[in-house]
């Protein structure tokens, strides 16, 4: 961007990047906007928050139990 003489503040870059995010991030981004965190985050901190949220979602998905076949335990045959 500097080679094209485009000068932006870190907050403008974060805002533009946030606006370009896919719809799955809209809820989390709204929370950041409501808490006014989006206004004070630098680009690196914003990326870190997104990566942490993504890792948290992956951990939550792994914790969801798979439905078990009760027939296996009780010997009920169909």
PDB file of N, CA and C in Angstrom:
ATOM      1  N   UNK A   1       0.823  -1.195   0.000  1.00  0.00           N
ATOM      2  CA  UNK A   1       0.000   0.000   0.000  1.00  0.00           C
ATOM      3  C   UNK A   1       0.861   1.250   0.000  1.00  0.00           C
ATOM      4  N   UNK A   2       2.015   1.146   0.620  1.00  0.00           N
ATOM      5  CA  UNK A   2       2.882   2.322   0.677  1.00  0.00           C
ATOM      6  C   UNK A   2       3.430   2.681  -0.682  1.00  0.00           C
ATOM      7  N   UNK A   3       3.632   1.682  -1.530  1.00  0.00           N
ATOM      8  CA  UNK A   3       4.148   1.970  -2.867  1.00  0.00           C
ATOM      9  C   UNK A   3       3.144   2.747  -3.710  1.00  0.00           C
ATOM     10  N   UNK A   4       1.867   2.634  -3.373  1.00  0.00           N
ATOM     11  CA  UNK A   4       0.827   3.395  -4.074  1.00  0.00           C
ATOM     12  C   UNK A   4       0.467   4.672  -3.337  1.00  0.00           C
ATOM     13  N   UNK A   5       1.233   4.985  -2.307  1.00  0.00           N
ATOM     14  CA  UNK A   5       1.048   6.185  -1.490  1.00  0.00           C
ATOM     15  C   UNK A   5      -0.329   6.248  -0.845  1.00  0.00           C
ATOM     16  N   UNK A   6      -0.799   5.082  -0.406  1.00  0.00           N
ATOM     17  CA  UNK A   6      -2.056   4.993   0.327  1.00  0.00           C
ATOM     18  C   UNK A   6      -1.708   4.941   1.800  1.00  0.00           C
ATOM     19  N   UNK A   7      -2.175   5.904   2.557  1.00  0.00           N
ATOM     20  CA  UNK A   7      -1.861   5.967   3.971  1.00  0.00           C
ATOM     21  C   UNK A   7      -3.149   5.748   4.759  1.00  0.00           C
ATOM     22  N   UNK A   8      -3.132   4.745   5.618  1.00  0.00           N
ATOM     23  CA  UNK A   8      -4.290   4.465   6.468  1.00  0.00           C
ATOM     24  C   UNK A   8      -3.809   4.258   7.893  1.00  0.00           C
ATOM     25  N   UNK A   9      -4.688   4.462   8.828  1.00  0.00           N
ATOM     26  CA  UNK A   9      -4.366   4.193  10.228  1.00  0.00           C
ATOM     27  C   UNK A   9      -4.606   2.712  10.498  1.00  0.00           C
ATOM     28  N   UNK A  10      -4.002   2.186  11.540  1.00  0.00           N
ATOM     29  CA  UNK A  10      -4.259   0.779  11.883  1.00  0.00           C
ATOM     30  C   UNK A  10      -5.742   0.508  12.147  1.00  0.00           C
ATOM     31  N   UNK A  11      -6.444   1.448  12.741  1.00  0.00           N
ATOM     32  CA  UNK A  11      -7.869   1.257  13.007  1.00  0.00           C
ATOM     33  C   UNK A  11      -8.669   1.185  11.710  1.00  0.00           C
ATOM     34  N   UNK A  12      -8.277   1.967  10.703  1.00  0.00           N
ATOM     35  CA  UNK A  12      -8.953   1.887   9.407  1.00  0.00           C
ATOM     36  C   UNK A  12      -8.716   0.532   8.746  1.00  0.00           C
ATOM     37  N   UNK A  13      -7.502   0.032   8.869  1.00  0.00           N
ATOM     38  CA  UNK A  13      -7.203  -1.283   8.293  1.00  0.00           C
ATOM     39  C   UNK A  13      -8.003  -2.372   8.986  1.00  0.00           C
ATOM     40  N   UNK A  14      -8.114  -2.297  10.317  1.00  0.00           N
ATOM     41  CA  UNK A  14      -8.894  -3.285  11.059  1.00  0.00           C
ATOM     42  C   UNK A  14     -10.357  -3.195  10.649  1.00  0.00           C
ATOM     43  N   UNK A  15     -10.889  -1.984  10.535  1.00  0.00           N
ATOM     44  CA  UNK A  15     -12.296  -1.810  10.156  1.00  0.00           C
ATOM     45  C   UNK A  15     -12.556  -2.362   8.763  1.00  0.00           C
ATOM     46  N   UNK A  16     -11.674  -2.107   7.837  1.00  0.00           N
ATOM     47  CA  UNK A  16     -11.854  -2.615   6.472  1.00  0.00           C
ATOM     48  C   UNK A  16     -11.758  -4.136   6.420  1.00  0.00           C
ATOM     49  N   UNK A  17     -10.812  -4.673   7.159  1.00  0.00           N
ATOM     50  CA  UNK A  17     -10.671  -6.123   7.206  1.00  0.00           C
ATOM     51  C   UNK A  17     -11.896  -6.756   7.855  1.00  0.00           C
ATOM     52  N   UNK A  18     -12.408  -6.141   8.913  1.00  0.00           N
ATOM     53  CA  UNK A  18     -13.599  -6.657   9.594  1.00  0.00           C
ATOM     54  C   UNK A  18     -14.807  -6.633   8.669  1.00  0.00           C
ATOM     55  N   UNK A  19     -14.929  -5.609   7.865  1.00  0.00           N
ATOM     56  CA  UNK A  19     -16.053  -5.517   6.924  1.00  0.00           C
ATOM     57  C   UNK A  19     -15.961  -6.568   5.828  1.00  0.00           C
ATOM     58  N   UNK A  20     -14.758  -7.053   5.549  1.00  0.00           N
ATOM     59  CA  UNK A  20     -14.572  -8.042   4.481  1.00  0.00           C
ATOM     60  C   UNK A  20     -14.664  -9.482   4.985  1.00  0.00           C
ATOM     61  N   UNK A  21     -14.857  -9.650   6.287  1.00  0.00           N
ATOM     62  CA  UNK A  21     -14.911 -10.999   6.856  1.00  0.00           C
ATOM     63  C   UNK A  21     -16.179 -11.726   6.413  1.00  0.00           C
ATOM     64  N   UNK A  22     -16.122 -13.065   6.329  1.00  0.00           N
ATOM     65  CA  UNK A  22     -17.307 -13.850   5.970  1.00  0.00           C
ATOM     66  C   UNK A  22     -18.408 -13.716   7.027  1.00  0.00           C
ATOM     67  N   UNK A  23     -19.605 -14.112   6.655  1.00  0.00           N
ATOM     68  CA  UNK A  23     -20.780 -13.951   7.515  1.00  0.00           C
ATOM     69  C   UNK A  23     -20.658 -14.715   8.832  1.00  0.00           C
ATOM     70  N   UNK A  24     -19.899 -15.799   8.875  1.00  0.00           N
ATOM     71  CA  UNK A  24     -19.789 -16.583  10.109  1.00  0.00           C
ATOM     72  C   UNK A  24     -19.148 -15.784  11.242  1.00  0.00           C
ATOM     73  N   UNK A  25     -18.416 -14.739  10.921  1.00  0.00           N
ATOM     74  CA  UNK A  25     -17.760 -13.914  11.923  1.00  0.00           C
ATOM     75  C   UNK A  25     -18.600 -12.728  12.366  1.00  0.00           C
ATOM     76  N   UNK A  26     -19.752 -12.520  11.776  1.00  0.00           N
ATOM     77  CA  UNK A  26     -20.531 -11.305  12.053  1.00  0.00           C
ATOM     78  C   UNK A  26     -20.925 -11.181  13.520  1.00  0.00           C
ATOM     79  N   UNK A  27     -21.297 -12.266  14.157  1.00  0.00           N
ATOM     80  CA  UNK A  27     -21.683 -12.207  15.568  1.00  0.00           C
ATOM     81  C   UNK A  27     -20.527 -11.786  16.454  1.00  0.00           C
ATOM     82  N   UNK A  28     -19.369 -12.372  16.226  1.00  0.00           N
ATOM     83  CA  UNK A  28     -18.192 -12.032  17.032  1.00  0.00           C
ATOM     84  C   UNK A  28     -17.758 -10.593  16.781  1.00  0.00           C
ATOM     85  N   UNK A  29     -17.815 -10.167  15.525  1.00  0.00           N
ATOM     86  CA  UNK A  29     -17.428  -8.794  15.199  1.00  0.00           C
ATOM     87  C   UNK A  29     -18.392  -7.786  15.822  1.00  0.00           C
ATOM     88  N   UNK A  30     -19.674  -8.130  15.890  1.00  0.00           N
ATOM     89  CA  UNK A  30     -20.635  -7.242  16.552  1.00  0.00           C
ATOM     90  C   UNK A  30     -20.314  -7.080  18.034  1.00  0.00           C
ATOM     91  N   UNK A  31     -19.901  -8.171  18.662  1.00  0.00           N
ATOM     92  CA  UNK A  31     -19.510  -8.102  20.072  1.00  0.00           C
ATOM     93  C   UNK A  31     -18.313  -7.173  20.239  1.00  0.00           C
ATOM     94  N   UNK A  32     -17.325  -7.297  19.358  1.00  0.00           N
ATOM     95  CA  UNK A  32     -16.156  -6.426  19.429  1.00  0.00           C
ATOM     96  C   UNK A  32     -16.532  -4.964  19.203  1.00  0.00           C
ATOM     97  N   UNK A  33     -17.474  -4.720  18.294  1.00  0.00           N
ATOM     98  CA  UNK A  33     -17.917  -3.340  18.044  1.00  0.00           C
ATOM     99  C   UNK A  33     -18.656  -2.774  19.242  1.00  0.00           C
ATOM    100  N   UNK A  34     -19.527  -3.575  19.842  1.00  0.00           N
ATOM    101  CA  UNK A  34     -20.299  -3.113  21.001  1.00  0.00           C
ATOM    102  C   UNK A  34     -19.403  -2.804  22.194  1.00  0.00           C
ATOM    103  N   UNK A  35     -18.350  -3.593  22.364  1.00  0.00           N
ATOM    104  CA  UNK A  35     -17.417  -3.386  23.473  1.00  0.00           C
ATOM    105  C   UNK A  35     -16.368  -2.323  23.162  1.00  0.00           C
ATOM    106  N   UNK A  36     -16.440  -1.735  21.988  1.00  0.00           N
ATOM    107  CA  UNK A  36     -15.494  -0.719  21.525  1.00  0.00           C
ATOM    108  C   UNK A  36     -14.062  -1.236  21.414  1.00  0.00           C
ATOM    109  N   UNK A  37     -13.904  -2.550  21.366  1.00  0.00           N
ATOM    110  CA  UNK A  37     -12.572  -3.127  21.209  1.00  0.00           C
ATOM    111  C   UNK A  37     -12.063  -2.950  19.790  1.00  0.00           C
ATOM    112  N   UNK A  38     -12.969  -2.964  18.838  1.00  0.00           N
ATOM    113  CA  UNK A  38     -12.572  -2.859  17.440  1.00  0.00           C
ATOM    114  C   UNK A  38     -11.906  -1.515  17.159  1.00  0.00           C
ATOM    115  N   UNK A  39     -12.280  -0.489  17.927  1.00  0.00           N
ATOM    116  CA  UNK A  39     -11.724   0.848  17.710  1.00  0.00           C
ATOM    117  C   UNK A  39     -10.295   0.988  18.219  1.00  0.00           C
ATOM    118  N   UNK A  40      -9.903   0.163  19.182  1.00  0.00           N
ATOM    119  CA  UNK A  40      -8.582   0.337  19.790  1.00  0.00           C
ATOM    120  C   UNK A  40      -7.586  -0.753  19.408  1.00  0.00           C
ATOM    121  N   UNK A  41      -8.059  -1.798  18.747  1.00  0.00           N
ATOM    122  CA  UNK A  41      -7.164  -2.903  18.381  1.00  0.00           C
ATOM    123  C   UNK A  41      -6.283  -2.527  17.206  1.00  0.00           C
ATOM    124  N   UNK A  42      -5.027  -2.940  17.289  1.00  0.00           N
ATOM    125  CA  UNK A  42      -4.152  -2.865  16.132  1.00  0.00           C
ATOM    126  C   UNK A  42      -4.429  -4.067  15.239  1.00  0.00           C
ATOM    127  N   UNK A  43      -3.822  -4.079  14.067  1.00  0.00           N
ATOM    128  CA  UNK A  43      -4.087  -5.156  13.117  1.00  0.00           C
ATOM    129  C   UNK A  43      -3.624  -6.504  13.664  1.00  0.00           C
ATOM    130  N   UNK A  44      -2.427  -6.537  14.265  1.00  0.00           N
ATOM    131  CA  UNK A  44      -1.894  -7.785  14.811  1.00  0.00           C
ATOM    132  C   UNK A  44      -2.801  -8.311  15.927  1.00  0.00           C
ATOM    133  N   UNK A  45      -3.229  -7.421  16.839  1.00  0.00           N
ATOM    134  CA  UNK A  45      -4.091  -7.840  17.942  1.00  0.00           C
ATOM    135  C   UNK A  45      -5.434  -8.352  17.427  1.00  0.00           C
ATOM    136  N   UNK A  46      -5.940  -7.711  16.379  1.00  0.00           N
ATOM    137  CA  UNK A  46      -7.207  -8.141  15.777  1.00  0.00           C
ATOM    138  C   UNK A  46      -7.075  -9.557  15.205  1.00  0.00           C
ATOM    139  N   UNK A  47      -5.989  -9.809  14.501  1.00  0.00           N
ATOM    140  CA  UNK A  47      -5.751 -11.135  13.931  1.00  0.00           C
ATOM    141  C   UNK A  47      -5.624 -12.160  15.049  1.00  0.00           C
ATOM    142  N   UNK A  48      -4.925 -11.803  16.134  1.00  0.00           N
ATOM    143  CA  UNK A  48      -4.781 -12.707  17.268  1.00  0.00           C
ATOM    144  C   UNK A  48      -6.139 -13.051  17.872  1.00  0.00           C
ATOM    145  N   UNK A  49      -7.017 -12.068  18.016  1.00  0.00           N
ATOM    146  CA  UNK A  49      -8.356 -12.320  18.554  1.00  0.00           C
ATOM    147  C   UNK A  49      -9.132 -13.276  17.659  1.00  0.00           C
ATOM    148  N   UNK A  50      -9.032 -13.081  16.348  1.00  0.00           N
ATOM    149  CA  UNK A  50      -9.718 -13.971  15.409  1.00  0.00           C
ATOM    150  C   UNK A  50      -9.168 -15.392  15.498  1.00  0.00           C
ATOM    151  N   UNK A  51      -7.850 -15.520  15.584  1.00  0.00           N
ATOM    152  CA  UNK A  51      -7.251 -16.851  15.686  1.00  0.00           C
ATOM    153  C   UNK A  51      -7.645 -17.535  16.989  1.00  0.00           C
ATOM    154  N   UNK A  52      -7.677 -16.777  18.088  1.00  0.00           N
ATOM    155  CA  UNK A  52      -8.080 -17.352  19.371  1.00  0.00           C
ATOM    156  C   UNK A  52      -9.540 -17.789  19.346  1.00  0.00           C
ATOM    157  N   UNK A  53     -10.391 -16.980  18.733  1.00  0.00           N
ATOM    158  CA  UNK A  53     -11.808 -17.337  18.631  1.00  0.00           C
ATOM    159  C   UNK A  53     -11.985 -18.587  17.782  1.00  0.00           C
ATOM    160  N   UNK A  54     -11.241 -18.689  16.701  1.00  0.00           N
ATOM    161  CA  UNK A  54     -11.324 -19.857  15.834  1.00  0.00           C
ATOM    162  C   UNK A  54     -10.869 -21.113  16.583  1.00  0.00           C
ATOM    163  N   UNK A  55      -9.781 -21.003  17.343  1.00  0.00           N
ATOM    164  CA  UNK A  55      -9.295 -22.136  18.125  1.00  0.00           C
ATOM    165  C   UNK A  55     -10.319 -22.536  19.187  1.00  0.00           C
ATOM    166  N   UNK A  56     -10.971 -21.557  19.788  1.00  0.00           N
ATOM    167  CA  UNK A  56     -12.012 -21.831  20.790  1.00  0.00           C
ATOM    168  C   UNK A  56     -13.187 -22.575  20.167  1.00  0.00           C
ATOM    169  N   UNK A  57     -13.595 -22.172  18.977  1.00  0.00           N
ATOM    170  CA  UNK A  57     -14.700 -22.834  18.288  1.00  0.00           C
ATOM    171  C   UNK A  57     -14.329 -24.275  17.942  1.00  0.00           C
ATOM    172  N   UNK A  58     -13.088 -24.502  17.562  1.00  0.00           N
ATOM    173  CA  UNK A  58     -12.638 -25.864  17.246  1.00  0.00           C
ATOM    174  C   UNK A  58     -12.667 -26.724  18.502  1.00  0.00           C
ATOM    175  N   UNK A  59     -12.204 -26.173  19.634  1.00  0.00           N
ATOM    176  CA  UNK A  59     -12.253 -26.928  20.894  1.00  0.00           C
ATOM    177  C   UNK A  59     -13.687 -27.248  21.288  1.00  0.00           C
ATOM    178  N   UNK A  60     -14.603 -26.300  21.115  1.00  0.00           N
ATOM    179  CA  UNK A  60     -16.012 -26.542  21.435  1.00  0.00           C
ATOM    180  C   UNK A  60     -16.581 -27.658  20.565  1.00  0.00           C
ATOM    181  N   UNK A  61     -16.233 -27.647  19.291  1.00  0.00           N
ATOM    182  CA  UNK A  61     -16.744 -28.663  18.373  1.00  0.00           C
ATOM    183  C   UNK A  61     -16.229 -30.051  18.756  1.00  0.00           C
ATOM    184  N   UNK A  62     -15.020 -30.131  19.260  1.00  0.00           N
ATOM    185  CA  UNK A  62     -14.467 -31.423  19.661  1.00  0.00           C
ATOM    186  C   UNK A  62     -15.123 -31.953  20.921  1.00  0.00           C
ATOM    187  N   UNK A  63     -15.634 -31.052  21.777  1.00  0.00           N
ATOM    188  CA  UNK A  63     -16.261 -31.471  23.025  1.00  0.00           C
ATOM    189  C   UNK A  63     -17.661 -32.033  22.833  1.00  0.00           C
ATOM    190  N   UNK A  64     -18.287 -31.752  21.711  1.00  0.00           N
ATOM    191  CA  UNK A  64     -19.640 -32.249  21.455  1.00  0.00           C
ATOM    192  C   UNK A  64     -19.567 -33.765  21.344  1.00  0.00           C
ATOM    193  N   UNK A  65     -20.383 -34.422  22.138  1.00  0.00           N
ATOM    194  CA  UNK A  65     -20.338 -35.884  22.141  1.00  0.00           C
ATOM    195  C   UNK A  65     -21.062 -36.444  20.931  1.00  0.00           C
ATOM    196  N   UNK A  66     -20.566 -37.538  20.469  1.00  0.00           N
ATOM    197  CA  UNK A  66     -21.206 -38.246  19.369  1.00  0.00           C
ATOM    198  C   UNK A  66     -22.311 -39.126  19.944  1.00  0.00           C
ATOM    199  N   UNK A  67     -23.438 -39.217  19.263  1.00  0.00           N
ATOM    200  CA  UNK A  67     -24.491 -40.106  19.755  1.00  0.00           C
ATOM    201  C   UNK A  67     -24.002 -41.551  19.758  1.00  0.00           C
ATOM    202  N   UNK A  68     -24.303 -42.235  20.834  1.00  0.00           N
ATOM    203  CA  UNK A  68     -23.835 -43.607  20.964  1.00  0.00           C
ATOM    204  C   UNK A  68     -24.952 -44.591  20.636  1.00  0.00           C
ATOM    205  N   UNK A  69     -24.549 -45.736  20.217  1.00  0.00           N
ATOM    206  CA  UNK A  69     -25.475 -46.810  19.904  1.00  0.00           C
ATOM    207  C   UNK A  69     -25.755 -47.576  21.196  1.00  0.00           C
ATOM    208  N   UNK A  70     -26.916 -47.370  21.792  1.00  0.00           N
ATOM    209  CA  UNK A  70     -27.256 -48.017  23.052  1.00  0.00           C
ATOM    210  C   UNK A  70     -27.465 -49.512  22.897  1.00  0.00           C
ATOM    211  N   UNK A  71     -27.802 -49.961  21.705  1.00  0.00           N
ATOM    212  CA  UNK A  71     -27.961 -51.382  21.470  1.00  0.00           C
ATOM    213  C   UNK A  71     -26.689 -52.147  21.781  1.00  0.00           C
ATOM    214  N   UNK A  72     -25.576 -51.516  21.565  1.00  0.00           N
ATOM    215  CA  UNK A  72     -24.302 -52.160  21.817  1.00  0.00           C
ATOM    216  C   UNK A  72     -24.124 -52.476  23.305  1.00  0.00           C
ATOM    217  N   UNK A  73     -24.656 -51.626  24.169  1.00  0.00           N
ATOM    218  CA  UNK A  73     -24.490 -51.816  25.607  1.00  0.00           C
ATOM    219  C   UNK A  73     -25.558 -52.732  26.234  1.00  0.00           C
ATOM    220  N   UNK A  74     -26.771 -52.648  25.720  1.00  0.00           N
ATOM    221  CA  UNK A  74     -27.874 -53.374  26.345  1.00  0.00           C
ATOM    222  C   UNK A  74     -28.265 -54.634  25.595  1.00  0.00           C
ATOM    223  N   UNK A  75     -27.629 -54.890  24.474  1.00  0.00           N
ATOM    224  CA  UNK A  75     -27.884 -56.104  23.747  1.00  0.00           C
ATOM    225  C   UNK A  75     -29.262 -56.176  23.118  1.00  0.00           C
ATOM    226  N   UNK A  76     -29.852 -55.027  22.832  1.00  0.00           N
ATOM    227  CA  UNK A  76     -31.169 -54.984  22.217  1.00  0.00           C
ATOM    228  C   UNK A  76     -30.984 -55.144  20.712  1.00  0.00           C
ATOM    229  N   UNK A  77     -31.612 -56.140  20.174  1.00  0.00           N
ATOM    230  CA  UNK A  77     -31.513 -56.381  18.744  1.00  0.00           C
ATOM    231  C   UNK A  77     -32.826 -55.986  18.080  1.00  0.00           C
ATOM    232  N   UNK A  78     -32.740 -55.341  16.957  1.00  0.00           N
ATOM    233  CA  UNK A  78     -33.926 -54.874  16.253  1.00  0.00           C
ATOM    234  C   UNK A  78     -34.505 -55.903  15.431  1.00  0.00           C
TER     235      UNK A  78
END
